[in-house]
Protein backbone atom coordinates (compact mmCIF):
# COMPACT_ATOMS: atom_id res chain seq x y z
CA MET A 1 0.00 0.00 0.00
CA ILE A 2 2.75 2.45 1.00
CA LYS A 3 4.80 1.76 -2.12
CA THR A 4 1.72 2.22 -4.33
CA ILE A 5 0.97 5.60 -2.75
CA LEU A 6 4.61 6.64 -3.17
CA LEU A 7 4.63 5.51 -6.82
CA PHE A 8 1.57 7.63 -7.57
CA HIS A 9 3.15 10.51 -5.66
CA ILE A 10 6.24 10.28 -7.88
CA ILE A 11 4.16 10.31 -11.07
CA ALA A 12 2.02 13.22 -9.82
CA PHE A 13 5.11 15.16 -8.77
CA VAL A 14 6.73 14.90 -12.20
CA LEU A 15 3.44 15.59 -14.03
CA GLY A 16 2.80 18.67 -11.88
CA PHE A 17 6.27 20.01 -12.60
CA PHE A 18 5.83 19.74 -16.36
CA LEU A 19 2.26 21.03 -16.27
CA ASP A 20 3.61 24.17 -14.63
CA LEU A 21 6.28 24.54 -17.33
CA LEU A 22 3.72 24.05 -20.11
CA ILE A 23 0.78 26.07 -18.80
CA GLY A 24 1.93 28.36 -16.02
CA ASP A 25 -0.40 29.86 -13.44
CA PRO A 26 -3.91 30.66 -14.72
CA HIS A 27 -5.04 34.19 -13.84
CA TRP A 28 -8.34 33.39 -12.21
CA ILE A 29 -9.74 34.12 -8.79
CA TYR A 30 -10.17 30.46 -7.83
CA HIS A 31 -6.48 29.64 -8.08
CA PRO A 32 -5.73 27.98 -4.69
CA VAL A 33 -2.96 30.43 -3.81
CA ARG A 34 -5.30 33.33 -4.55
CA LEU A 35 -7.89 31.74 -2.30
CA ILE A 36 -5.25 31.56 0.43
CA GLY A 37 -4.61 35.25 -0.20
CA LEU A 38 -8.32 36.00 0.20
CA LEU A 39 -8.34 34.05 3.46
CA ILE A 40 -5.37 36.05 4.74
CA SER A 41 -7.12 39.30 3.78
CA LEU A 42 -10.26 38.17 5.62
CA CYS A 43 -8.26 37.32 8.74
CA GLU A 44 -6.50 40.67 8.52
CA LYS A 45 -9.83 42.46 8.25
CA ILE A 46 -11.20 40.60 11.26
CA PHE A 47 -8.15 40.47 13.53
CA LEU A 48 -6.23 43.63 12.69
CA GLY A 49 -9.45 45.55 13.15
CA LYS A 50 -9.70 44.30 16.72
CA LYS A 51 -9.03 46.93 19.32
CA SER A 52 -7.47 45.98 22.61
CA LYS A 53 -8.61 47.55 25.83
CA ALA A 54 -5.25 49.26 25.96
CA GLU A 55 -5.87 50.91 22.60
CA SER A 56 -9.41 51.95 23.42
CA ASP A 57 -8.26 53.36 26.76
CA SER A 58 -5.24 55.13 25.31
CA THR A 59 -6.83 58.52 25.91
CA GLY A 60 -7.71 57.77 29.54
CA GLU A 61 -6.09 59.75 32.31
CA GLU A 62 -5.07 56.80 34.47
CA THR A 63 -3.28 54.71 31.88
CA SER A 64 0.39 55.03 31.04
CA GLY A 65 1.33 55.79 27.42
CA LYS A 66 4.13 53.22 27.44
CA THR A 67 1.88 50.57 28.97
CA ASP A 68 -0.81 51.27 26.38
CA ASP A 69 1.71 50.98 23.55
CA LYS A 70 3.06 47.68 24.89
CA LYS A 71 -0.44 46.24 25.27
CA ALA A 72 -1.33 47.35 21.75
CA GLU A 73 1.82 45.75 20.36
CA ASN A 74 1.19 42.47 22.19
CA THR A 75 -2.41 42.46 20.99
CA LYS A 76 -1.32 42.84 17.39
CA ILE A 77 1.29 40.08 17.82
CA PHE A 78 -1.39 37.80 19.30
CA PHE A 79 -3.87 38.43 16.49
CA GLY A 80 -1.08 38.01 13.94
CA LEU A 81 -0.26 34.62 15.44
CA LEU A 82 -3.96 33.76 15.41
CA THR A 83 -4.05 34.65 11.71
CA VAL A 84 -1.12 32.31 11.00
CA ILE A 85 -2.76 29.43 12.92
CA THR A 86 -6.13 29.99 11.23
CA VAL A 87 -4.72 30.13 7.71
CA LEU A 88 -2.50 27.06 8.21
CA PHE A 89 -5.31 25.04 9.81
CA ILE A 90 -7.82 25.78 7.04
CA THR A 91 -5.19 25.12 4.35
CA LEU A 92 -4.29 21.79 5.98
CA LEU A 93 -7.93 20.80 6.39
CA ILE A 94 -8.99 21.54 2.80
CA THR A 95 -5.88 20.20 1.06
CA GLY A 96 -5.74 17.08 3.22
CA ALA A 97 -9.42 16.32 2.67
CA LEU A 98 -9.11 16.87 -1.08
CA CYS A 99 -6.15 14.50 -1.39
CA PHE A 100 -7.61 11.85 0.93
CA TRP A 101 -11.06 11.66 -0.60
CA SER A 102 -9.85 11.75 -4.21
CA TYR A 103 -7.54 8.78 -3.57
CA TYR A 104 -10.25 7.07 -1.51
CA PHE A 105 -12.75 7.13 -4.38
CA ASN A 106 -10.29 6.19 -7.14
CA LYS A 107 -6.52 6.01 -7.21
CA TYR A 108 -6.35 7.50 -10.71
CA LEU A 109 -8.59 10.36 -9.65
CA GLY A 110 -6.22 10.85 -6.71
CA LEU A 111 -3.26 10.88 -9.09
CA ALA A 112 -4.92 13.51 -11.27
CA VAL A 113 -5.88 15.71 -8.30
CA GLU A 114 -2.38 15.48 -6.80
CA ALA A 115 -0.76 16.34 -10.13
CA ILE A 116 -3.03 19.39 -10.58
CA LEU A 117 -2.41 20.56 -7.01
CA THR A 118 1.34 20.18 -7.53
CA TYR A 119 1.02 22.24 -10.70
CA PHE A 120 -0.72 24.98 -8.70
CA ILE A 121 2.04 24.95 -6.06
CA LEU A 122 4.94 25.55 -8.45
CA ALA A 123 5.51 28.88 -10.19
CA THR A 124 8.43 28.36 -12.56
CA LYS A 125 6.78 29.50 -15.79
CA SER A 126 4.79 32.22 -14.03
CA LEU A 127 7.98 33.73 -12.60
CA LYS A 128 9.57 33.73 -16.03
CA SER A 129 6.45 35.10 -17.77
CA GLU A 130 5.97 37.99 -15.33
CA SER A 131 9.64 39.01 -15.42
CA MET A 132 9.77 38.75 -19.20
CA LYS A 133 6.89 41.24 -19.36
CA VAL A 134 9.38 43.74 -17.92
CA TYR A 135 11.93 42.77 -20.57
CA LYS A 136 9.38 43.17 -23.36
CA ALA A 137 8.18 46.51 -22.00
CA LEU A 138 11.75 47.81 -22.02
CA ASN A 139 12.24 46.68 -25.62
CA THR A 140 8.91 47.59 -27.17
CA GLY A 141 7.27 50.02 -24.76
CA THR A 142 8.17 52.97 -22.60
CA LEU A 143 9.98 53.22 -19.29
CA GLU A 144 6.58 53.83 -17.68
CA ASP A 145 5.36 50.53 -19.12
CA ALA A 146 8.40 48.78 -17.69
CA ARG A 147 7.91 50.40 -14.29
CA HIS A 148 4.31 49.21 -14.26
CA ALA A 149 5.31 45.69 -15.29
CA VAL A 150 7.95 45.41 -12.57
CA SER A 151 5.54 46.84 -9.98
CA MET A 152 3.48 43.68 -10.45
CA ILE A 153 6.29 41.48 -9.13
CA VAL A 154 8.14 43.58 -6.53
CA GLY A 155 7.20 45.17 -3.23
CA ARG A 156 9.28 48.33 -3.59
CA ASP A 157 8.15 51.67 -5.01
CA THR A 158 8.73 51.70 -8.77
CA GLU A 159 7.38 55.03 -10.04
CA ASN A 160 10.80 56.72 -10.03
CA LEU A 161 13.02 53.81 -11.05
CA SER A 162 15.52 54.33 -13.86
CA GLU A 163 15.89 51.67 -16.54
CA GLU A 164 18.81 50.22 -14.60
CA GLY A 165 16.66 50.18 -11.47
CA VAL A 166 13.85 48.40 -13.29
CA VAL A 167 16.21 45.72 -14.62
CA LYS A 168 17.82 45.26 -11.20
CA ALA A 169 14.42 44.88 -9.55
CA ALA A 170 13.36 42.23 -12.09
CA VAL A 171 16.62 40.27 -11.80
CA GLU A 172 16.51 40.38 -7.98
CA THR A 173 12.94 39.11 -8.00
CA VAL A 174 13.78 36.18 -10.27
CA ALA A 175 16.82 35.35 -8.15
CA GLU A 176 15.01 35.53 -4.80
CA ASN A 177 11.86 33.76 -5.99
CA THR A 178 13.88 30.92 -7.50
CA SER A 179 13.96 29.78 -3.90
CA ASP A 180 10.55 31.01 -2.63
CA GLY A 181 8.48 30.24 -5.72
CA VAL A 182 10.22 27.24 -7.26
CA ILE A 183 12.77 25.27 -5.23
CA ALA A 184 11.32 25.52 -1.72
CA PRO A 185 7.75 24.55 -2.72
CA MET A 186 9.19 21.75 -4.86
CA ILE A 187 11.15 20.38 -1.90
CA PHE A 188 8.18 20.53 0.46
CA THR A 189 5.88 18.95 -2.13
CA CYS A 190 8.42 16.21 -2.73
CA LEU A 191 8.58 15.48 1.01
CA GLY A 192 4.90 15.75 1.90
CA GLY A 193 2.85 15.99 -1.26
CA PRO A 194 0.40 18.83 -1.94
CA VAL A 195 -0.55 19.09 1.75
CA LEU A 196 2.94 20.11 2.84
CA GLY A 197 3.42 22.05 -0.40
CA PHE A 198 0.33 24.18 0.20
CA LEU A 199 1.23 24.72 3.86
CA TYR A 200 4.49 26.17 2.60
CA LYS A 201 2.66 28.34 0.06
CA ALA A 202 0.38 29.60 2.84
CA VAL A 203 3.39 30.61 4.95
CA ASN A 204 5.06 32.29 1.99
CA THR A 205 1.89 34.10 0.95
CA MET A 206 1.32 35.39 4.48
CA ASP A 207 4.85 36.74 4.57
CA SER A 208 4.40 38.48 1.21
CA MET A 209 1.12 40.06 2.33
CA ILE A 210 1.60 40.95 6.00
CA GLY A 211 5.28 40.33 6.74
CA TYR A 212 6.37 43.95 6.26
CA LYS A 213 8.27 46.00 8.83
CA ASN A 214 6.10 49.10 8.50
CA ASP A 215 3.73 50.81 10.92
CA LYS A 216 0.78 48.65 9.90
CA TYR A 217 2.35 45.19 9.93
CA LEU A 218 5.42 45.41 12.19
CA TYR A 219 3.69 43.55 15.03
CA PHE A 220 0.69 41.96 13.30
CA GLY A 221 2.91 40.35 10.64
CA ARG A 222 5.74 39.33 12.96
CA ALA A 223 4.64 35.69 13.41
CA ALA A 224 4.21 35.26 9.64
CA ALA A 225 7.63 36.80 8.90
CA LYS A 226 9.45 34.73 11.54
CA LEU A 227 7.77 31.51 10.40
CA ASP A 228 8.70 32.27 6.79
CA ASP A 229 12.33 32.80 7.80
CA PHE A 230 12.29 29.47 9.63
CA VAL A 231 10.72 27.31 6.92
CA ASN A 232 12.91 28.84 4.21
CA PHE A 233 16.21 28.55 6.08
CA ILE A 234 17.29 25.19 4.63
CA PRO A 235 15.53 25.45 1.22
CA ALA A 236 17.15 28.84 0.55
CA ARG A 237 20.60 27.35 1.02
CA ILE A 238 19.78 24.28 -1.07
CA SER A 239 18.53 26.68 -3.76
CA ALA A 240 21.78 28.64 -3.63
CA TYR A 241 23.97 25.57 -4.08
CA LEU A 242 21.78 24.29 -6.90
CA MET A 243 22.03 27.70 -8.56
CA ILE A 244 25.82 27.64 -8.25
CA LEU A 245 25.80 24.28 -10.03
CA ALA A 246 23.44 25.75 -12.62
CA ALA A 247 25.89 28.60 -13.20
CA PHE A 248 28.65 26.08 -13.94
CA LEU A 249 26.33 24.17 -16.30
CA GLY A 250 24.78 27.24 -17.93
CA GLY A 251 27.60 27.88 -20.37
CA LYS A 252 28.39 31.25 -21.88
CA GLY A 253 27.00 34.17 -19.97
CA TYR A 254 27.48 32.65 -16.52
CA ASN A 255 30.47 32.50 -14.19
CA GLY A 256 30.18 29.57 -11.80
CA LYS A 257 33.39 30.39 -9.98
CA LYS A 258 32.31 33.98 -9.35
CA ALA A 259 28.83 32.79 -8.33
CA LYS A 260 30.39 30.67 -5.59
CA GLU A 261 32.72 33.49 -4.53
CA ILE A 262 29.99 36.14 -4.21
CA PHE A 263 27.71 33.65 -2.46
CA LYS A 264 30.29 33.08 0.26
CA ARG A 265 30.92 36.80 0.64
CA ASP A 266 27.47 38.41 0.28
CA ARG A 267 24.91 35.73 1.21
CA PHE A 268 23.99 37.59 4.40
CA ASN A 269 23.78 41.08 2.87
CA HIS A 270 20.06 41.32 3.54
CA ALA A 271 17.76 41.90 6.50
CA SER A 272 16.30 38.44 5.87
CA PRO A 273 18.60 35.48 6.59
CA ASN A 274 17.41 33.83 3.37
CA SER A 275 16.80 36.40 0.63
CA ALA A 276 20.44 37.09 -0.25
CA GLN A 277 21.33 33.40 -0.59
CA THR A 278 20.20 33.07 -4.20
CA GLU A 279 20.54 36.80 -4.98
CA SER A 280 24.25 36.61 -4.22
CA VAL A 281 24.67 33.57 -6.47
CA CYS A 282 22.81 35.26 -9.31
CA ALA A 283 24.81 38.48 -8.94
CA GLY A 284 28.07 36.56 -9.08
CA ALA A 285 26.97 34.34 -11.96
CA LEU A 286 26.01 37.39 -14.06
CA GLY A 287 28.89 39.59 -12.91
CA VAL A 288 26.61 42.44 -11.82
CA ARG A 289 25.84 44.32 -8.63
CA LEU A 290 22.35 43.95 -7.15
CA ALA A 291 20.43 45.30 -4.14
CA GLY A 292 21.41 48.62 -2.53
CA ASP A 293 19.01 51.25 -1.15
CA ALA A 294 15.37 51.01 -2.24
CA SER A 295 12.13 52.86 -1.55
CA TYR A 296 9.26 51.09 0.23
CA PHE A 297 5.97 52.83 0.96
CA GLY A 298 7.62 56.20 0.35
CA LYS A 299 10.58 55.58 2.66
CA ILE A 300 14.17 54.87 1.62
CA VAL A 301 15.45 51.62 3.14
CA LYS A 302 19.22 51.32 3.44
CA LYS A 303 20.42 48.00 2.06
CA PRO A 304 23.94 46.74 1.34
CA TYR A 305 24.99 45.87 -2.19
CA ILE A 306 25.24 42.29 -3.38
CA GLY A 307 27.87 41.36 -5.97
CA ASP A 308 30.49 43.32 -7.89
CA ALA A 309 29.84 45.72 -10.75
CA ASP A 310 32.12 43.90 -13.19
CA ARG A 311 29.88 45.37 -15.87
CA ASN A 312 26.72 47.47 -16.08
CA ILE A 313 23.49 45.55 -15.70
CA GLU A 314 21.51 45.31 -18.94
CA ARG A 315 18.11 44.22 -20.20
CA ASP A 316 19.30 40.79 -21.30
CA ASP A 317 20.21 40.02 -17.69
CA ILE A 318 16.50 39.43 -17.08
CA LYS A 319 16.59 36.64 -19.68
CA ARG A 320 19.83 35.28 -18.23
CA ALA A 321 18.35 35.23 -14.72
CA CYS A 322 15.29 33.35 -16.00
CA ARG A 323 17.45 30.77 -17.77
CA LEU A 324 19.52 30.30 -14.61
CA MET A 325 16.29 29.79 -12.68
CA TYR A 326 15.08 27.16 -15.17
CA ILE A 327 18.32 25.18 -14.98
CA THR A 328 18.14 25.31 -11.17
CA ALA A 329 14.53 24.10 -11.26
CA PHE A 330 15.37 21.13 -13.49
CA LEU A 331 18.30 20.18 -11.26
CA CYS A 332 16.03 20.20 -8.21
CA MET A 333 13.30 18.22 -9.96
CA ILE A 334 15.80 15.56 -11.06
CA ILE A 335 17.31 15.25 -7.57
CA CYS A 336 13.88 15.11 -5.88
CA THR A 337 12.67 12.47 -8.34
CA VAL A 338 15.79 10.35 -7.87
CA ILE A 339 15.33 10.51 -4.08
CA LEU A 340 11.67 9.49 -4.40
CA ILE A 341 12.41 6.64 -6.80
CA THR A 342 15.25 5.39 -4.57
CA THR A 343 12.91 5.43 -1.57
CA TRP A 344 10.26 3.55 -3.59
CA GLU A 345 12.80 0.89 -4.62
CA ILE A 346 13.93 0.45 -1.01
CA LEU A 347 10.31 -0.04 0.07
CA LEU A 348 9.78 -2.48 -2.80
CA PHE A 349 12.88 -4.44 -1.81
CA ALA A 350 11.80 -4.46 1.84
CA GLY A 351 8.39 -5.83 0.87
CA PHE A 352 6.21 -2.97 2.08
């Protein structure tokens, strides 16, 4: 029984990977990740709107300002944690039920459902398509068009970006999301099927929506941000090493030796312990300098540079970053599949 389930998991995993490459994410409201986003928004509306007694009493004469502030902060942290628990529980419940009942009724129906869910989890083609819209806008449109296109995939302010800034933003997004959008969800799906894969996507989506260090989300989004850092710690480093290997295999246009060098030097040049892991590899592989100060919600955020400016960054670096991401994705898929097949063969040999 176990080996049969694992065999179907292997087939669904590979099918889901190639479905993502062929079709990409459909832009419709009932995409599971969008539904998770709607759930997060609903929780935010309910919980962030809650007022603690400390907040409501903040104008009282007998209450201390510092005490009120601390109570308000703790209340937001509590409701943020409650949001994380609620979103993860509902995601687990729905995904688990869907997988269980589909396999219960018919194993081939289960295979189809698992493959489709795996397809929804991965975002390889979507990441390439969205970043290439920036490339096309730079080549056939105006700088305003390119700024708008890049605003769809980054969290920073884009209205005043130069062409170089637009290209840098697109390349950084491809590099960082090679881990968040491709490798990490692939690893979790490999290990625990769509249930674990969607739990990861829920964590990642919460971080992207409420994990900001601004006035609104600093405390409410803290649990989501910390959990995202935790679950991405190992996958981000696996992604970086796979990307270094991809740089060596990528041929002309990539420098594997420099990718490894910049990774060792700059992999912690970011407020997040994970974001610069793949960004540093990409910067080294392309021979360009990424990161630096950026504007978020109208405020300049000081950020260290990643990589060396061996040459000026150019439009084609968006294409190069996408190709590097694709090679990294294929390497991960092959390794995951080999691990799954090896496990299946061991179970077969052991008679399970």
